[in-house]
Amino acid sequence: MSTPSADDSRGASTGVGGDAGASGNPPDSPAGRLQALFEGHRLTPTQRRIAHSMVRRAADVPFLSSVELAELAGVSQPSVTRFAVALGFDGYPALRKHLREVAPAEQSAAQGSYNEYQQAVEAEIENLKHLAEVLADPRPVQRAGRLLAASRPLPVLGLRAAASQAYGFAYFAAKVHPDVRLLHEGGTMIHDRIDAAVRAGATTLLCFALPRHPREVVDTLTYARQAGLTVVTVADSAFAPVAKVSDLLLPAAVGTGLAFDTVCAPMLLGRVLLEAMCDDLPDAQARLEEFDARAAARGLFVE
């Protein structure tokens, strides 16, 4: 585990368009060029949804018709046209022409022979490659690790599709962090549990947010920030609905080729966050060795 750099002050500028690397996409990548195209424009919620969908499928967007993009984003075809005009183009054809020039993405001839299951795996491989490019700048993850390590207790939120991601992180984090509190069930008591964490000394909340994004997650993060917590979020895109209620957003794309999204990149990013958190917990290694000793004494695992 590496030694992190000096800590950042709480409340520093973060989020989409803030810190270096906050957008989560290298500027020379298709997704990065798309994000640069959208920055500086006031977008409506529907238009942000279109932008979010385009970033998620950056390699495919230059080849999509307006109807296909509308179906991808779950909006009407006229909404796509208005979106293109809002960006300064005469219409969607002009936007698509521009995308083919600034965000070229060659479609592999070999992919044409893949069945749908292979295509899903190939898409996840691309998501992981993209995550590797993003992690070339480790500063956002290192900052997140410092925030998570310093929060006692550490609430970890994940609802619906993201519940398993939150559970997996909390399971491993509890082996090295003295007080991890899993929030994976919604309802009226979730605010009570946030209040209890704040009273106990929590300073940061970690959220896993995946499509489709429940309204309750946005509401909960809004409440958490009002309660004084710094919100670190792992989401599928810098344009996800949770971006506006997060202090530090770490994007990791999901696969959309199957009936249900695939989330290899968010899961791996969660493990990377665990590593970064361990770097700032001086007794992390001792805790792991203590657990291994107890597990061996109890015969917990089959060798």
Foldseek 3Di string as FASTA:
>chain_A
DDADDDADDPPAFAFPPTDVLQQLFPCLALLNVLSVLCPPFDDDPLLLLLSFLCSLVSQCVLPDDLCRSCVSSVHDSVVQQVSCVSSPDPGVVRVSVVSCVRHNHDDDPVVVPDDLVVVLVVSVVVLQVRNVVSCVPVVLLLNLLQLQLPFVAEEEEEEDPGLVLSVVLQVVLVLQHVHYHYHYDDDDCLLVVLLVSVVRGGAAYEYEAEPPGDPRVLVSLQSNVVSRHAYEYEYQGSSHPNRVSHSGYHHGHWGDSDPDIHDPRSSVSSVSSSVSNCSNRVCRVVSNVVVVVVCVVVVVDDD
